[in-house]
C-alpha atoms as a PDB file:
ATOM      1  CA  MET A   1     -13.647 -14.299  13.137  1.00  0.00           C
ATOM      2  CA  PRO A   2     -10.241 -15.505  12.463  1.00  0.00           C
ATOM      3  CA  GLU A   3      -6.979 -14.342  14.600  1.00  0.00           C
ATOM      4  CA  TYR A   4      -4.500 -12.295  12.510  1.00  0.00           C
ATOM      5  CA  ARG A   5      -0.827 -13.248  13.849  1.00  0.00           C
ATOM      6  CA  ILE A   6       1.547 -10.542  12.628  1.00  0.00           C
ATOM      7  CA  GLN A   7       4.752 -10.585  13.265  1.00  0.00           C
ATOM      8  CA  VAL A   8       6.685  -7.340  12.334  1.00  0.00           C
ATOM      9  CA  VAL A   9      10.679  -7.643  11.740  1.00  0.00           C
ATOM     10  CA  THR A  10      13.026  -5.162  12.274  1.00  0.00           C
ATOM     11  CA  GLY A  11      16.531  -4.688  10.165  1.00  0.00           C
ATOM     12  CA  LYS A  12      20.060  -4.973  11.753  1.00  0.00           C
ATOM     13  CA  VAL A  13      21.281  -2.332  10.314  1.00  0.00           C
ATOM     14  CA  GLU A  14      21.841   0.385  12.308  1.00  0.00           C
ATOM     15  CA  SER A  15      20.013   2.507  14.535  1.00  0.00           C
ATOM     16  CA  ALA A  16      17.263   0.334  13.095  1.00  0.00           C
ATOM     17  CA  GLY A  17      14.146   0.613  15.530  1.00  0.00           C
ATOM     18  CA  THR A  18      12.191   3.561  16.079  1.00  0.00           C
ATOM     19  CA  ASP A  19      10.334   4.518  19.434  1.00  0.00           C
ATOM     20  CA  ALA A  20       7.766   5.959  17.152  1.00  0.00           C
ATOM     21  CA  ASN A  21       3.707   4.522  17.575  1.00  0.00           C
ATOM     22  CA  VAL A  22       3.452   2.414  14.436  1.00  0.00           C
ATOM     23  CA  TYR A  23      -0.116   2.232  12.062  1.00  0.00           C
ATOM     24  CA  LEU A  24      -1.118  -1.097  10.204  1.00  0.00           C
ATOM     25  CA  THR A  25      -3.586  -1.331   7.768  1.00  0.00           C
ATOM     26  CA  ILE A  26      -4.745  -4.551   5.964  1.00  0.00           C
ATOM     27  CA  TYR A  27      -5.884  -5.370   2.921  1.00  0.00           C
ATOM     28  CA  GLY A  28      -7.585  -8.773   1.519  1.00  0.00           C
ATOM     29  CA  SER A  29     -10.076  -9.815  -1.331  1.00  0.00           C
ATOM     30  CA  ALA A  30     -12.783  -9.470   1.132  1.00  0.00           C
ATOM     31  CA  GLY A  31     -12.422  -5.964   1.917  1.00  0.00           C
ATOM     32  CA  SER A  32      -9.793  -4.342   4.803  1.00  0.00           C
ATOM     33  CA  SER A  33      -9.106  -4.188   8.537  1.00  0.00           C
ATOM     34  CA  GLU A  34      -9.839  -0.724  10.358  1.00  0.00           C
ATOM     35  CA  GLU A  35      -5.969   0.896  10.883  1.00  0.00           C
ATOM     36  CA  ILE A  36      -4.475  -1.339  13.832  1.00  0.00           C
ATOM     37  CA  HIS A  37      -2.108   0.238  16.546  1.00  0.00           C
ATOM     38  CA  LEU A  38       0.942  -2.802  17.134  1.00  0.00           C
ATOM     39  CA  GLU A  39       1.261  -2.325  20.948  1.00  0.00           C
ATOM     40  CA  SER A  40       2.169  -4.764  22.864  1.00  0.00           C
ATOM     41  CA  GLY A  41       3.582  -2.905  25.889  1.00  0.00           C
ATOM     42  CA  GLY A  42       6.384  -4.251  25.618  1.00  0.00           C
ATOM     43  CA  ASP A  43       9.538  -2.002  23.978  1.00  0.00           C
ATOM     44  CA  ASP A  44       9.109  -3.244  20.286  1.00  0.00           C
ATOM     45  CA  PHE A  45      10.221  -2.371  16.795  1.00  0.00           C
ATOM     46  CA  GLU A  46      14.201  -2.344  18.120  1.00  0.00           C
ATOM     47  CA  ARG A  47      17.498  -2.978  16.070  1.00  0.00           C
ATOM     48  CA  ALA A  48      17.410  -7.030  14.829  1.00  0.00           C
ATOM     49  CA  CYS A  49      14.447  -7.628  16.565  1.00  0.00           C
ATOM     50  CA  VAL A  50      10.468  -9.779  15.895  1.00  0.00           C
ATOM     51  CA  SER A  51       7.934  -7.668  17.170  1.00  0.00           C
ATOM     52  CA  ASN A  52       4.204 -10.060  17.472  1.00  0.00           C
ATOM     53  CA  PHE A  53       0.958  -9.047  17.417  1.00  0.00           C
ATOM     54  CA  VAL A  54      -2.152 -10.965  17.640  1.00  0.00           C
ATOM     55  CA  HIS A  55      -5.637  -9.322  16.794  1.00  0.00           C
ATOM     56  CA  THR A  56      -8.926 -11.400  15.828  1.00  0.00           C
ATOM     57  CA  LEU A  57     -10.371  -8.907  12.990  1.00  0.00           C
ATOM     58  CA  ARG A  58     -12.907 -10.387  10.792  1.00  0.00           C
ATOM     59  CA  ASP A  59     -12.244 -12.325   7.538  1.00  0.00           C
ATOM     60  CA  LEU A  60     -10.352 -10.257   5.065  1.00  0.00           C
ATOM     61  CA  GLY A  61      -9.901 -13.211   2.741  1.00  0.00           C
ATOM     62  CA  ASP A  62      -6.408 -13.681   0.462  1.00  0.00           C
ATOM     63  CA  LEU A  63      -4.383 -10.937   2.003  1.00  0.00           C
ATOM     64  CA  ARG A  64      -3.098  -9.149  -0.691  1.00  0.00           C
ATOM     65  CA  LYS A  65      -0.802  -5.385   0.318  1.00  0.00           C
ATOM     66  CA  VAL A  66      -0.464  -3.514   3.397  1.00  0.00           C
ATOM     67  CA  ARG A  67      -0.274   0.114   4.897  1.00  0.00           C
ATOM     68  CA  ILE A  68       2.204   0.614   7.352  1.00  0.00           C
ATOM     69  CA  ARG A  69       3.852   3.731   8.758  1.00  0.00           C
ATOM     70  CA  HIS A  70       4.518   5.640  11.881  1.00  0.00           C
ATOM     71  CA  ASP A  71       3.810   8.978  13.398  1.00  0.00           C
ATOM     72  CA  ASN A  72       7.738  10.009  13.773  1.00  0.00           C
ATOM     73  CA  THR A  73       7.368  10.881  17.829  1.00  0.00           C
ATOM     74  CA  GLY A  74      10.141   9.599  20.396  1.00  0.00           C
ATOM     75  CA  GLY A  75      13.318  10.372  20.402  1.00  0.00           C
ATOM     76  CA  TRP A  76      14.372   7.945  17.557  1.00  0.00           C
ATOM     77  CA  PRO A  77      11.762   7.534  14.757  1.00  0.00           C
ATOM     78  CA  GLY A  78      13.524   6.502  11.511  1.00  0.00           C
ATOM     79  CA  TRP A  79      12.911   3.004  11.070  1.00  0.00           C
ATOM     80  CA  PHE A  80      14.297   0.006   9.001  1.00  0.00           C
ATOM     81  CA  LEU A  81      11.225  -2.293   8.002  1.00  0.00           C
ATOM     82  CA  GLU A  82      12.288  -5.586   6.726  1.00  0.00           C
ATOM     83  CA  ARG A  83       9.045  -7.212   6.301  1.00  0.00           C
ATOM     84  CA  ILE A  84       5.851  -8.095   7.925  1.00  0.00           C
ATOM     85  CA  VAL A  85       4.160 -11.762   7.987  1.00  0.00           C
ATOM     86  CA  ILE A  86       0.766 -12.125   8.798  1.00  0.00           C
ATOM     87  CA  ARG A  87      -0.248 -15.780   9.841  1.00  0.00           C
ATOM     88  CA  ASN A  88      -4.544 -16.348   9.334  1.00  0.00           C
ATOM     89  CA  GLU A  89      -4.379 -18.914  12.824  1.00  0.00           C
ATOM     90  CA  ASP A  90      -8.013 -20.247  11.483  1.00  0.00           C
ATOM     91  CA  SER A  91      -6.450 -21.600   8.413  1.00  0.00           C
ATOM     92  CA  ASP A  92      -2.602 -21.938   8.789  1.00  0.00           C
ATOM     93  CA  GLN A  93      -2.676 -18.904   5.832  1.00  0.00           C
ATOM     94  CA  GLU A  94       0.419 -16.864   5.373  1.00  0.00           C
ATOM     95  CA  TRP A  95       1.393 -14.145   3.767  1.00  0.00           C
ATOM     96  CA  SER A  96       4.818 -11.934   3.453  1.00  0.00           C
ATOM     97  CA  PHE A  97       5.108  -8.748   2.579  1.00  0.00           C
ATOM     98  CA  PRO A  98       8.989  -7.569   2.064  1.00  0.00           C
ATOM     99  CA  CYS A  99      10.003  -4.353   2.506  1.00  0.00           C
ATOM    100  CA  SER A 100      14.017  -3.458   3.738  1.00  0.00           C
ATOM    101  CA  LEU A 101      13.273   0.341   3.002  1.00  0.00           C
ATOM    102  CA  TRP A 102      13.780   3.335   6.005  1.00  0.00           C
ATOM    103  CA  LEU A 103      10.633   4.726   7.218  1.00  0.00           C
ATOM    104  CA  SER A 104      12.009   7.928   8.594  1.00  0.00           C
ATOM    105  CA  THR A 105      12.022  11.483   7.102  1.00  0.00           C
ATOM    106  CA  ASP A 106      15.962  11.524   7.325  1.00  0.00           C
ATOM    107  CA  GLU A 107      17.073   8.846   5.627  1.00  0.00           C
ATOM    108  CA  HIS A 108      16.352   7.176   1.951  1.00  0.00           C
ATOM    109  CA  ASP A 109      13.025   8.568  -0.260  1.00  0.00           C
ATOM    110  CA  GLU A 110      12.388  10.096   3.443  1.00  0.00           C
ATOM    111  CA  GLN A 111       8.634   8.321   3.821  1.00  0.00           C
ATOM    112  CA  ILE A 112       7.430   7.379   6.886  1.00  0.00           C
ATOM    113  CA  ASP A 113       4.292   5.897   5.450  1.00  0.00           C
ATOM    114  CA  ARG A 114       4.584   3.104   2.649  1.00  0.00           C
ATOM    115  CA  ILE A 115       2.428   0.103   0.503  1.00  0.00           C
ATOM    116  CA  LEU A 116       3.680  -3.078   0.976  1.00  0.00           C
ATOM    117  CA  ASP A 117       2.614  -5.722  -1.732  1.00  0.00           C
ATOM    118  CA  LEU A 118       2.832  -9.544  -1.228  1.00  0.00           C
ATOM    119  CA  ALA A 119       5.814 -11.793  -1.760  1.00  0.00           C
END
């Protein structure tokens, strides 16, 4: 089973980081992942930072889209997500999913759950 490196890029806008729990589901040509709780044990999803995660998953084929969401918990749940980049470490394939939107109940369209298409 391949290892997937997941890079989550938080934007540089003021108050872009989040304290909420973040979850990701990956959709590919060979199926989808279970929902993954993105947690490193560190201070993830800070303003202007790249948070990295590695997960061993079944082969998902060519990636098509991702679902990213948070649970709106913590003192600062609103989050400005710039993009997600996923790399299959076994095949060296890489996919980018741009966002450049807030996931927040009090910003933009007030959504905290988004489907991102392949760039």
